Structures are given as structure tokens and as C-alpha cells.
Amino acid sequence: MNAYREKLIRASSVDELVKEGINYIQDSGKRIWTTSGLALQSNNVTYVLENSFNRVHTLREPTSIKYFARELFAYIVGSLKVDEGLSDASKFWNKIADENGMINSNYGYYVFKKKTPGGKSQLQWIRENIIENQDTRQAVININGIEHKRLTKDFPCTLGLVFHLDGDTLNLDVSSRSTDVITGLPYDIGFFSFVLELFANLLSYDLDRDIMVGYTAMHAFFTQIYDRTENKISEILENNPNDDLQQMPRITDAKSTLEDIDKISVRNPETEVIKWILNNKE
């Protein structure tokens, strides 16, 4: 019988997490076959981004920054139609869309657009949940749901997000069934840390005190390097992070940022962080 094994990888930037993740999988991983191809895989790895502002992946810049910005833009639009954002980030998304051009893994849809039975976004629901009880254990955003248990090429990797206040610090724990350390981890944890910063700023307004941005952690039940992306490993491991590019502009006005997100399709943004997304996706 195999004993339970868990690995904790902590770093102050996404770039460091990716390097450490590659090294760990190369040392401990086992060969597997998946529907996405052959891979080297490790189990039960938690990636902790200790400084959630260092969310921009620079080891493969400018390509990685452009992709991140395009994915962020697609998440802000929040559409499950592949041609309304994600196909601009990568043509890979077209390959896993269904016959109607729909995908499931637009994470922004679940955060900003999908409604609860009460007609609220999940972001608004957890906001009200923490206002009511700052010790709540119910500030959860669900992503992978029962509606995805059907024949699909796009079964969401992220299961859900759990936010919790520790004094005046807001932390985020993400549960992931599967995380590709090269093409998934840097962009997923980048988006989730962005949501964490946005939410912390909203709560600062709601609770009338400064709520600091804490860690962003992703627990991956399975984490892998696919054979098809092995050619990117040497570039990642040999390059040094660009410290000047690792951070997006800070969110200083969360209400205006949320308004920019809500109106992204009808007007130009007014906040620097959303302008950064639009400028870097071109």
C-alpha cells in the first residue's frame, strides 16, 4: 500500500513557484497517460504564492505576459463562448470547445457572471457572507459543478475557491483536481490572486478598515508536465525573473475596478489595473 504523500511549495512569486514545481515533478513524478497526452505527474502538491502581488509570469516574457493579459481579459468578459475571449488567448481553446463553440473553463464566468439562486454573482454572495460573519467558513466560489458531469473535452480543473479572514488579512485557498505547472499554474494562480486583491479591497470598504492581501494557495491533487511542453522547460529554468514586470498596477479603488469589469464590453476602462490588461493583451 502506498503511503499518503504531500508536498508544500512556497515562493514569493509565480516565477519561483513554476521553477520549484518543475524541479519537484521531475524528481518525484510518475509517467502517466491522459486524454491530453503523455505526462510526468506528481500528486498532492500545494503551491503557495506568499506575495499575491507577484502574479505575473515573466520567465517566458513577452509571450507569457501577453497570454496572461488575454486570459484575464477573457475572464473579465466572462463568456462561455470560446470566440469571446479565450480563443484569442490560445487556439487550444478552440480544440476543446463543443460543437456550439462553448467551453466550461472561463473562471471569470463563475466569479463575476454566474448567478446564485438569489440572482447574485458568487463574488457578491461571498462579500455579503463575510460582512455578516467575519469568521465564516462559507465564503466559497464554486467552479467545477454537477453540470460538467457529461461528455465534454473541457472538464474544469479548478474545483473551487475558499476565502477566509485572519484578523485583517484575507487569504485564499484554491482546490484543483489537476494543474499543469507550465501552461496552467502561472495563469490560474495569477487570476485567483487578482480576485483576492479585488475582494480584499472591497472588504476594506465594507468593513471600514484596511484588509490586507494575504497568500494565494492552490492545492493540486494532480500536477504535471506534459510531453508536449517539455521543450519549454529549459527556457523557464535558465531564465531569470524580471522583477520590474512581476506586478500589475495595484487596485486602489475596488468599486471602480468592479465597474470596469462589469462594463468592459461597452466602454474603455478607467482604472490602471484594467488598462494594464487591455494594453498588454495587444
C-alpha atoms as a PDB file:
ATOM      1  CA  MET A   1       0.000   0.000   0.000  1.00  0.00           C
ATOM      2  CA  ASN A   2       1.309   3.461  -0.935  1.00  0.00           C
ATOM      3  CA  ALA A   3       1.552   5.935   1.945  1.00  0.00           C
ATOM      4  CA  TYR A   4      -0.070   9.348   1.673  1.00  0.00           C
ATOM      5  CA  ARG A   5       2.412  11.962   0.494  1.00  0.00           C
ATOM      6  CA  GLU A   6       2.019  15.715   0.309  1.00  0.00           C
ATOM      7  CA  LYS A   7       4.366  18.443  -0.900  1.00  0.00           C
ATOM      8  CA  LEU A   8       4.231  22.117   0.046  1.00  0.00           C
ATOM      9  CA  ILE A   9       5.938  24.557  -2.323  1.00  0.00           C
ATOM     10  CA  ARG A  10       6.134  28.140  -1.095  1.00  0.00           C
ATOM     11  CA  ALA A  11       7.509  31.111  -3.001  1.00  0.00           C
ATOM     12  CA  SER A  12       7.184  34.868  -3.161  1.00  0.00           C
ATOM     13  CA  SER A  13       6.464  34.960  -6.908  1.00  0.00           C
ATOM     14  CA  VAL A  14       4.728  32.957  -9.604  1.00  0.00           C
ATOM     15  CA  ASP A  15       8.061  32.611 -11.416  1.00  0.00           C
ATOM     16  CA  GLU A  16       9.622  30.887  -8.406  1.00  0.00           C
ATOM     17  CA  LEU A  17       6.615  28.607  -7.974  1.00  0.00           C
ATOM     18  CA  VAL A  18       6.837  27.434 -11.578  1.00  0.00           C
ATOM     19  CA  LYS A  19      10.565  26.670 -11.297  1.00  0.00           C
ATOM     20  CA  GLU A  20      10.141  24.813  -8.000  1.00  0.00           C
ATOM     21  CA  GLY A  21       7.153  22.921  -9.375  1.00  0.00           C
ATOM     22  CA  ILE A  22       9.090  21.759 -12.439  1.00  0.00           C
ATOM     23  CA  ASN A  23      12.020  20.600 -10.300  1.00  0.00           C
ATOM     24  CA  TYR A  24       9.750  18.684  -7.918  1.00  0.00           C
ATOM     25  CA  ILE A  25       7.771  16.944 -10.665  1.00  0.00           C
ATOM     26  CA  GLN A  26      10.969  15.988 -12.478  1.00  0.00           C
ATOM     27  CA  ASP A  27      12.327  14.469  -9.256  1.00  0.00           C
ATOM     28  CA  SER A  28       9.189  12.723  -7.986  1.00  0.00           C
ATOM     29  CA  GLY A  29       6.779  12.363 -10.892  1.00  0.00           C
ATOM     30  CA  LYS A  30       5.479   9.186 -12.482  1.00  0.00           C
ATOM     31  CA  ARG A  31       4.729   8.611 -16.134  1.00  0.00           C
ATOM     32  CA  ILE A  32       1.003   8.625 -16.946  1.00  0.00           C
ATOM     33  CA  TRP A  33      -1.288   8.688 -19.953  1.00  0.00           C
ATOM     34  CA  THR A  34      -4.087  11.238 -20.064  1.00  0.00           C
ATOM     35  CA  THR A  35      -6.636  12.376 -22.618  1.00  0.00           C
ATOM     36  CA  SER A  36      -4.347  15.377 -23.118  1.00  0.00           C
ATOM     37  CA  GLY A  37      -1.308  13.202 -23.842  1.00  0.00           C
ATOM     38  CA  LEU A  38       1.610  11.621 -22.024  1.00  0.00           C
ATOM     39  CA  ALA A  39       2.842  13.397 -18.922  1.00  0.00           C
ATOM     40  CA  LEU A  40       5.042  13.255 -15.847  1.00  0.00           C
ATOM     41  CA  GLN A  41       2.817  13.677 -12.797  1.00  0.00           C
ATOM     42  CA  SER A  42       3.065  14.172  -9.029  1.00  0.00           C
ATOM     43  CA  ASN A  43       0.211  14.037  -6.543  1.00  0.00           C
ATOM     44  CA  ASN A  44      -0.970  16.268  -3.690  1.00  0.00           C
ATOM     45  CA  VAL A  45       1.128  19.361  -4.243  1.00  0.00           C
ATOM     46  CA  THR A  46       0.174  22.708  -2.709  1.00  0.00           C
ATOM     47  CA  TYR A  47       1.596  25.796  -4.384  1.00  0.00           C
ATOM     48  CA  VAL A  48       1.596  28.843  -2.081  1.00  0.00           C
ATOM     49  CA  LEU A  49       2.106  32.305  -3.542  1.00  0.00           C
ATOM     50  CA  GLU A  50       3.166  34.167  -0.415  1.00  0.00           C
ATOM     51  CA  ASN A  51       3.192  37.588  -2.093  1.00  0.00           C
ATOM     52  CA  SER A  52      -0.012  37.661  -4.105  1.00  0.00           C
ATOM     53  CA  PHE A  53       1.072  40.825  -5.928  1.00  0.00           C
ATOM     54  CA  ASN A  54       3.947  38.984  -7.683  1.00  0.00           C
ATOM     55  CA  ARG A  55       1.484  37.267 -10.009  1.00  0.00           C
ATOM     56  CA  VAL A  56       2.865  37.984 -13.484  1.00  0.00           C
ATOM     57  CA  HIS A  57       4.831  35.127 -15.080  1.00  0.00           C
ATOM     58  CA  THR A  58       7.945  36.709 -16.632  1.00  0.00           C
ATOM     59  CA  LEU A  59      10.192  33.716 -17.315  1.00  0.00           C
ATOM     60  CA  ARG A  60       8.768  33.411 -20.820  1.00  0.00           C
ATOM     61  CA  GLU A  61       8.004  37.077 -21.427  1.00  0.00           C
ATOM     62  CA  PRO A  62       6.777  38.740 -23.542  1.00  0.00           C
ATOM     63  CA  THR A  63       4.763  35.685 -24.641  1.00  0.00           C
ATOM     64  CA  SER A  64       3.676  34.728 -21.126  1.00  0.00           C
ATOM     65  CA  ILE A  65       2.598  38.268 -20.229  1.00  0.00           C
ATOM     66  CA  LYS A  66       0.531  38.666 -23.383  1.00  0.00           C
ATOM     67  CA  TYR A  67      -1.147  35.307 -22.805  1.00  0.00           C
ATOM     68  CA  PHE A  68      -1.883  36.188 -19.162  1.00  0.00           C
ATOM     69  CA  ALA A  69      -3.412  39.529 -20.148  1.00  0.00           C
ATOM     70  CA  ARG A  70      -5.554  37.892 -22.840  1.00  0.00           C
ATOM     71  CA  GLU A  71      -6.755  35.240 -20.427  1.00  0.00           C
ATOM     72  CA  LEU A  72      -7.538  37.893 -17.809  1.00  0.00           C
ATOM     73  CA  PHE A  73      -9.493  39.844 -20.413  1.00  0.00           C
ATOM     74  CA  ALA A  74     -11.489  36.732 -21.306  1.00  0.00           C
ATOM     75  CA  TYR A  75     -12.220  36.127 -17.624  1.00  0.00           C
ATOM     76  CA  ILE A  76     -13.377  39.713 -17.173  1.00  0.00           C
ATOM     77  CA  VAL A  77     -15.719  39.384 -20.163  1.00  0.00           C
ATOM     78  CA  GLY A  78     -16.850  36.148 -18.518  1.00  0.00           C
ATOM     79  CA  SER A  79     -18.363  34.432 -21.550  1.00  0.00           C
ATOM     80  CA  LEU A  80     -18.536  30.672 -22.100  1.00  0.00           C
ATOM     81  CA  LYS A  81     -18.437  31.296 -25.864  1.00  0.00           C
ATOM     82  CA  VAL A  82     -14.910  30.395 -26.924  1.00  0.00           C
ATOM     83  CA  ASP A  83     -14.733  33.148 -29.544  1.00  0.00           C
ATOM     84  CA  GLU A  84     -15.481  35.843 -26.955  1.00  0.00           C
ATOM     85  CA  GLY A  85     -12.057  35.906 -25.371  1.00  0.00           C
ATOM     86  CA  LEU A  86     -10.328  32.603 -24.719  1.00  0.00           C
ATOM     87  CA  SER A  87      -9.696  31.696 -28.356  1.00  0.00           C
ATOM     88  CA  ASP A  88      -7.750  34.969 -28.640  1.00  0.00           C
ATOM     89  CA  ALA A  89      -5.518  33.823 -25.790  1.00  0.00           C
ATOM     90  CA  SER A  90      -4.748  30.469 -27.420  1.00  0.00           C
ATOM     91  CA  LYS A  91      -6.163  28.426 -30.299  1.00  0.00           C
ATOM     92  CA  PHE A  92      -6.009  25.449 -27.912  1.00  0.00           C
ATOM     93  CA  TRP A  93      -9.370  26.565 -26.542  1.00  0.00           C
ATOM     94  CA  ASN A  94     -10.977  26.004 -29.947  1.00  0.00           C
ATOM     95  CA  LYS A  95      -9.912  22.364 -29.789  1.00  0.00           C
ATOM     96  CA  ILE A  96     -11.819  21.691 -26.568  1.00  0.00           C
ATOM     97  CA  ALA A  97     -14.935  23.747 -27.344  1.00  0.00           C
ATOM     98  CA  ASP A  98     -18.107  21.787 -28.065  1.00  0.00           C
ATOM     99  CA  GLU A  99     -19.959  21.727 -31.379  1.00  0.00           C
ATOM    100  CA  ASN A 100     -21.683  25.001 -30.439  1.00  0.00           C
ATOM    101  CA  GLY A 101     -18.402  26.782 -29.684  1.00  0.00           C
ATOM    102  CA  MET A 102     -18.916  26.680 -25.918  1.00  0.00           C
ATOM    103  CA  ILE A 103     -16.335  25.963 -23.213  1.00  0.00           C
ATOM    104  CA  ASN A 104     -16.582  25.434 -19.446  1.00  0.00           C
ATOM    105  CA  SER A 105     -13.296  26.763 -18.062  1.00  0.00           C
ATOM    106  CA  ASN A 106     -13.814  30.502 -18.201  1.00  0.00           C
ATOM    107  CA  TYR A 107     -13.170  31.058 -14.496  1.00  0.00           C
ATOM    108  CA  GLY A 108     -14.306  34.665 -14.640  1.00  0.00           C
ATOM    109  CA  TYR A 109     -17.787  33.471 -15.557  1.00  0.00           C
ATOM    110  CA  TYR A 110     -18.104  31.685 -12.211  1.00  0.00           C
ATOM    111  CA  VAL A 111     -16.693  34.626 -10.223  1.00  0.00           C
ATOM    112  CA  PHE A 112     -18.423  37.582 -11.901  1.00  0.00           C
ATOM    113  CA  LYS A 113     -21.291  36.353 -14.084  1.00  0.00           C
ATOM    114  CA  LYS A 114     -22.909  33.090 -12.992  1.00  0.00           C
ATOM    115  CA  LYS A 115     -25.803  33.803 -10.650  1.00  0.00           C
ATOM    116  CA  THR A 116     -26.758  32.166  -7.384  1.00  0.00           C
ATOM    117  CA  PRO A 117     -30.394  31.082  -6.864  1.00  0.00           C
ATOM    118  CA  GLY A 118     -30.874  34.537  -5.329  1.00  0.00           C
ATOM    119  CA  GLY A 119     -29.701  36.269  -8.517  1.00  0.00           C
ATOM    120  CA  LYS A 120     -26.302  37.451  -7.232  1.00  0.00           C
ATOM    121  CA  SER A 121     -22.804  36.858  -8.569  1.00  0.00           C
ATOM    122  CA  GLN A 122     -20.744  34.487  -6.457  1.00  0.00           C
ATOM    123  CA  LEU A 123     -18.373  37.378  -5.698  1.00  0.00           C
ATOM    124  CA  GLN A 124     -21.263  39.420  -4.320  1.00  0.00           C
ATOM    125  CA  TRP A 125     -22.558  36.414  -2.367  1.00  0.00           C
ATOM    126  CA  ILE A 126     -19.270  35.802  -0.545  1.00  0.00           C
ATOM    127  CA  ARG A 127     -18.907  39.535   0.019  1.00  0.00           C
ATOM    128  CA  GLU A 128     -22.212  39.640   1.872  1.00  0.00           C
ATOM    129  CA  ASN A 129     -21.331  36.390   3.643  1.00  0.00           C
ATOM    130  CA  ILE A 130     -18.171  37.841   5.199  1.00  0.00           C
ATOM    131  CA  ILE A 131     -19.877  41.146   6.066  1.00  0.00           C
ATOM    132  CA  GLU A 132     -22.428  39.145   8.046  1.00  0.00           C
ATOM    133  CA  ASN A 133     -19.885  36.873   9.744  1.00  0.00           C
ATOM    134  CA  GLN A 134     -16.173  37.618   9.542  1.00  0.00           C
ATOM    135  CA  ASP A 135     -15.409  34.115  10.862  1.00  0.00           C
ATOM    136  CA  THR A 136     -17.483  32.463   8.147  1.00  0.00           C
ATOM    137  CA  ARG A 137     -16.439  29.178   6.566  1.00  0.00           C
ATOM    138  CA  GLN A 138     -18.898  29.630   3.704  1.00  0.00           C
ATOM    139  CA  ALA A 139     -17.092  32.236   1.561  1.00  0.00           C
ATOM    140  CA  VAL A 140     -16.811  29.758  -1.294  1.00  0.00           C
ATOM    141  CA  ILE A 141     -16.860  30.275  -5.061  1.00  0.00           C
ATOM    142  CA  ASN A 142     -17.753  27.030  -6.848  1.00  0.00           C
ATOM    143  CA  ILE A 143     -16.331  26.313 -10.305  1.00  0.00           C
ATOM    144  CA  ASN A 144     -16.422  22.609 -11.215  1.00  0.00           C
ATOM    145  CA  GLY A 145     -20.078  21.631 -10.768  1.00  0.00           C
ATOM    146  CA  ILE A 146     -22.524  18.825 -11.375  1.00  0.00           C
ATOM    147  CA  GLU A 147     -23.456  20.381 -14.730  1.00  0.00           C
ATOM    148  CA  HIS A 148     -19.987  19.432 -16.019  1.00  0.00           C
ATOM    149  CA  LYS A 149     -20.528  15.711 -15.457  1.00  0.00           C
ATOM    150  CA  ARG A 150     -21.278  14.954 -19.086  1.00  0.00           C
ATOM    151  CA  LEU A 151     -19.343  14.162 -22.240  1.00  0.00           C
ATOM    152  CA  THR A 152     -17.009  17.139 -22.606  1.00  0.00           C
ATOM    153  CA  LYS A 153     -13.436  17.911 -23.613  1.00  0.00           C
ATOM    154  CA  ASP A 154     -13.349  20.810 -21.151  1.00  0.00           C
ATOM    155  CA  PHE A 155     -13.823  19.461 -17.621  1.00  0.00           C
ATOM    156  CA  PRO A 156     -12.795  22.394 -15.353  1.00  0.00           C
ATOM    157  CA  CYS A 157      -9.565  21.769 -13.453  1.00  0.00           C
ATOM    158  CA  THR A 158     -10.374  24.127 -10.599  1.00  0.00           C
ATOM    159  CA  LEU A 159     -12.936  22.844  -8.131  1.00  0.00           C
ATOM    160  CA  GLY A 160     -13.472  25.955  -6.045  1.00  0.00           C
ATOM    161  CA  LEU A 161     -12.097  28.907  -4.086  1.00  0.00           C
ATOM    162  CA  VAL A 162     -12.331  29.421  -0.316  1.00  0.00           C
ATOM    163  CA  PHE A 163     -11.645  32.864   1.181  1.00  0.00           C
ATOM    164  CA  HIS A 164     -11.059  33.473   4.879  1.00  0.00           C
ATOM    165  CA  LEU A 165     -10.153  36.419   7.063  1.00  0.00           C
ATOM    166  CA  ASP A 166      -7.274  36.036   9.508  1.00  0.00           C
ATOM    167  CA  GLY A 167      -7.525  39.200  11.547  1.00  0.00           C
ATOM    168  CA  ASP A 168      -7.080  41.968   8.981  1.00  0.00           C
ATOM    169  CA  THR A 169      -5.620  39.702   6.286  1.00  0.00           C
ATOM    170  CA  LEU A 170      -7.658  37.958   3.584  1.00  0.00           C
ATOM    171  CA  ASN A 171      -6.256  34.632   2.353  1.00  0.00           C
ATOM    172  CA  LEU A 172      -7.346  32.380  -0.480  1.00  0.00           C
ATOM    173  CA  ASP A 173      -7.183  28.588  -0.798  1.00  0.00           C
ATOM    174  CA  VAL A 174      -7.935  27.063  -4.190  1.00  0.00           C
ATOM    175  CA  SER A 175      -8.752  23.400  -4.751  1.00  0.00           C
ATOM    176  CA  SER A 176      -7.661  21.964  -8.102  1.00  0.00           C
ATOM    177  CA  ARG A 177      -8.144  18.431  -9.397  1.00  0.00           C
ATOM    178  CA  SER A 178      -5.308  18.873 -11.919  1.00  0.00           C
ATOM    179  CA  THR A 179      -2.720  21.603 -12.527  1.00  0.00           C
ATOM    180  CA  ASP A 180      -0.303  21.779 -15.461  1.00  0.00           C
ATOM    181  CA  VAL A 181       2.727  23.505 -13.947  1.00  0.00           C
ATOM    182  CA  ILE A 182       3.779  25.133 -17.238  1.00  0.00           C
ATOM    183  CA  THR A 183       0.584  26.201 -19.021  1.00  0.00           C
ATOM    184  CA  GLY A 184      -1.877  26.201 -16.117  1.00  0.00           C
ATOM    185  CA  LEU A 185      -0.361  27.122 -12.762  1.00  0.00           C
ATOM    186  CA  PRO A 186       1.142  30.560 -13.561  1.00  0.00           C
ATOM    187  CA  TYR A 187      -2.021  31.891 -15.198  1.00  0.00           C
ATOM    188  CA  ASP A 188      -4.576  30.286 -12.887  1.00  0.00           C
ATOM    189  CA  ILE A 189      -2.910  31.418  -9.674  1.00  0.00           C
ATOM    190  CA  GLY A 190      -2.343  34.789 -11.321  1.00  0.00           C
ATOM    191  CA  PHE A 191      -6.069  35.246 -11.881  1.00  0.00           C
ATOM    192  CA  PHE A 192      -7.043  33.933  -8.463  1.00  0.00           C
ATOM    193  CA  SER A 193      -4.593  36.297  -6.739  1.00  0.00           C
ATOM    194  CA  PHE A 194      -6.120  39.154  -8.738  1.00  0.00           C
ATOM    195  CA  VAL A 195      -9.575  38.189  -7.435  1.00  0.00           C
ATOM    196  CA  LEU A 196      -8.123  38.020  -3.914  1.00  0.00           C
ATOM    197  CA  GLU A 197      -6.769  41.571  -4.208  1.00  0.00           C
ATOM    198  CA  LEU A 198     -10.073  42.839  -5.605  1.00  0.00           C
ATOM    199  CA  PHE A 199     -12.057  41.149  -2.837  1.00  0.00           C
ATOM    200  CA  ALA A 200      -9.749  42.416  -0.078  1.00  0.00           C
ATOM    201  CA  ASN A 201     -10.208  45.959  -1.352  1.00  0.00           C
ATOM    202  CA  LEU A 202     -13.984  45.570  -1.481  1.00  0.00           C
ATOM    203  CA  LEU A 203     -13.975  44.304   2.108  1.00  0.00           C
ATOM    204  CA  SER A 204     -11.838  47.258   3.208  1.00  0.00           C
ATOM    205  CA  TYR A 205     -14.727  49.466   2.089  1.00  0.00           C
ATOM    206  CA  ASP A 206     -17.411  47.175   3.525  1.00  0.00           C
ATOM    207  CA  LEU A 207     -15.784  46.678   6.943  1.00  0.00           C
ATOM    208  CA  ASP A 208     -14.391  50.209   7.198  1.00  0.00           C
ATOM    209  CA  ARG A 209     -10.840  49.079   7.927  1.00  0.00           C
ATOM    210  CA  ASP A 210      -7.798  48.111   5.877  1.00  0.00           C
ATOM    211  CA  ILE A 211      -7.943  44.457   4.794  1.00  0.00           C
ATOM    212  CA  MET A 212      -4.537  43.271   3.633  1.00  0.00           C
ATOM    213  CA  VAL A 213      -3.916  40.843   0.781  1.00  0.00           C
ATOM    214  CA  GLY A 214      -2.581  37.537   2.107  1.00  0.00           C
ATOM    215  CA  TYR A 215      -1.417  34.368   0.408  1.00  0.00           C
ATOM    216  CA  THR A 216      -2.924  32.581  -2.570  1.00  0.00           C
ATOM    217  CA  ALA A 217      -2.611  28.788  -2.278  1.00  0.00           C
ATOM    218  CA  MET A 218      -3.508  26.149  -4.861  1.00  0.00           C
ATOM    219  CA  HIS A 219      -3.808  22.560  -3.702  1.00  0.00           C
ATOM    220  CA  ALA A 220      -3.449  20.318  -6.753  1.00  0.00           C
ATOM    221  CA  PHE A 221      -4.480  16.705  -6.326  1.00  0.00           C
ATOM    222  CA  PHE A 222      -2.547  16.029  -9.534  1.00  0.00           C
ATOM    223  CA  THR A 223       0.112  18.286 -11.067  1.00  0.00           C
ATOM    224  CA  GLN A 224       2.027  17.521 -14.235  1.00  0.00           C
ATOM    225  CA  ILE A 225       4.376  18.370 -17.064  1.00  0.00           C
ATOM    226  CA  TYR A 226       3.025  17.202 -20.405  1.00  0.00           C
ATOM    227  CA  ASP A 227       5.401  15.808 -23.003  1.00  0.00           C
ATOM    228  CA  ARG A 228       4.119  18.385 -25.479  1.00  0.00           C
ATOM    229  CA  THR A 229       5.502  21.244 -23.332  1.00  0.00           C
ATOM    230  CA  GLU A 230       8.861  19.691 -22.376  1.00  0.00           C
ATOM    231  CA  ASN A 231      10.548  21.998 -24.882  1.00  0.00           C
ATOM    232  CA  LYS A 232       9.662  24.979 -22.654  1.00  0.00           C
ATOM    233  CA  ILE A 233      11.429  23.634 -19.554  1.00  0.00           C
ATOM    234  CA  SER A 234      14.973  24.743 -20.388  1.00  0.00           C
ATOM    235  CA  GLU A 235      13.786  28.264 -21.235  1.00  0.00           C
ATOM    236  CA  ILE A 236      11.945  28.533 -17.905  1.00  0.00           C
ATOM    237  CA  LEU A 237      14.731  27.106 -15.748  1.00  0.00           C
ATOM    238  CA  GLU A 238      17.531  29.067 -17.412  1.00  0.00           C
ATOM    239  CA  ASN A 239      15.816  32.462 -17.440  1.00  0.00           C
ATOM    240  CA  ASN A 240      15.831  34.864 -14.507  1.00  0.00           C
ATOM    241  CA  PRO A 241      12.640  36.598 -13.345  1.00  0.00           C
ATOM    242  CA  ASN A 242      12.114  40.178 -14.452  1.00  0.00           C
ATOM    243  CA  ASP A 243      11.343  41.829 -11.118  1.00  0.00           C
ATOM    244  CA  ASP A 244      10.138  45.002 -12.806  1.00  0.00           C
ATOM    245  CA  LEU A 245       7.344  43.145 -14.627  1.00  0.00           C
ATOM    246  CA  GLN A 246       6.086  40.742 -11.968  1.00  0.00           C
ATOM    247  CA  GLN A 247       3.387  43.045 -10.620  1.00  0.00           C
ATOM    248  CA  MET A 248       0.290  44.580 -12.156  1.00  0.00           C
ATOM    249  CA  PRO A 249      -0.843  48.049 -11.044  1.00  0.00           C
ATOM    250  CA  ARG A 250      -2.384  47.874  -7.568  1.00  0.00           C
ATOM    251  CA  ILE A 251      -6.137  48.016  -7.123  1.00  0.00           C
ATOM    252  CA  THR A 252      -6.702  51.294  -5.303  1.00  0.00           C
ATOM    253  CA  ASP A 253     -10.432  51.680  -5.941  1.00  0.00           C
ATOM    254  CA  ALA A 254     -12.155  48.290  -5.932  1.00  0.00           C
ATOM    255  CA  LYS A 255     -15.614  49.689  -6.675  1.00  0.00           C
ATOM    256  CA  SER A 256     -14.344  51.415  -9.829  1.00  0.00           C
ATOM    257  CA  THR A 257     -12.393  48.299 -10.801  1.00  0.00           C
ATOM    258  CA  LEU A 258     -15.530  46.171 -10.444  1.00  0.00           C
ATOM    259  CA  GLU A 259     -17.444  48.713 -12.516  1.00  0.00           C
ATOM    260  CA  ASP A 260     -14.745  48.488 -15.210  1.00  0.00           C
ATOM    261  CA  ILE A 261     -15.170  44.715 -15.182  1.00  0.00           C
ATOM    262  CA  ASP A 262     -18.946  44.939 -15.423  1.00  0.00           C
ATOM    263  CA  LYS A 263     -18.771  47.409 -18.325  1.00  0.00           C
ATOM    264  CA  ILE A 264     -15.692  46.069 -20.127  1.00  0.00           C
ATOM    265  CA  SER A 265     -17.688  45.380 -23.308  1.00  0.00           C
ATOM    266  CA  VAL A 266     -19.283  48.825 -23.606  1.00  0.00           C
ATOM    267  CA  ARG A 267     -16.676  51.418 -22.566  1.00  0.00           C
ATOM    268  CA  ASN A 268     -12.979  51.981 -22.029  1.00  0.00           C
ATOM    269  CA  PRO A 269     -11.717  51.227 -18.513  1.00  0.00           C
ATOM    270  CA  GLU A 270     -10.895  53.974 -16.041  1.00  0.00           C
ATOM    271  CA  THR A 271      -8.697  52.055 -13.576  1.00  0.00           C
ATOM    272  CA  GLU A 272      -4.989  51.419 -14.119  1.00  0.00           C
ATOM    273  CA  VAL A 273      -5.186  47.681 -13.442  1.00  0.00           C
ATOM    274  CA  ILE A 274      -7.808  47.066 -16.154  1.00  0.00           C
ATOM    275  CA  LYS A 275      -5.938  49.387 -18.519  1.00  0.00           C
ATOM    276  CA  TRP A 276      -2.851  47.198 -17.911  1.00  0.00           C
ATOM    277  CA  ILE A 277      -4.811  44.150 -19.053  1.00  0.00           C
ATOM    278  CA  LEU A 278      -6.010  45.820 -22.231  1.00  0.00           C
ATOM    279  CA  ASN A 279      -2.571  47.267 -23.070  1.00  0.00           C
ATOM    280  CA  ASN A 280      -0.689  44.012 -22.525  1.00  0.00           C
ATOM    281  CA  LYS A 281      -3.084  41.771 -24.429  1.00  0.00           C
ATOM    282  CA  GLU A 282      -2.253  43.527 -27.737  1.00  0.00           C
END
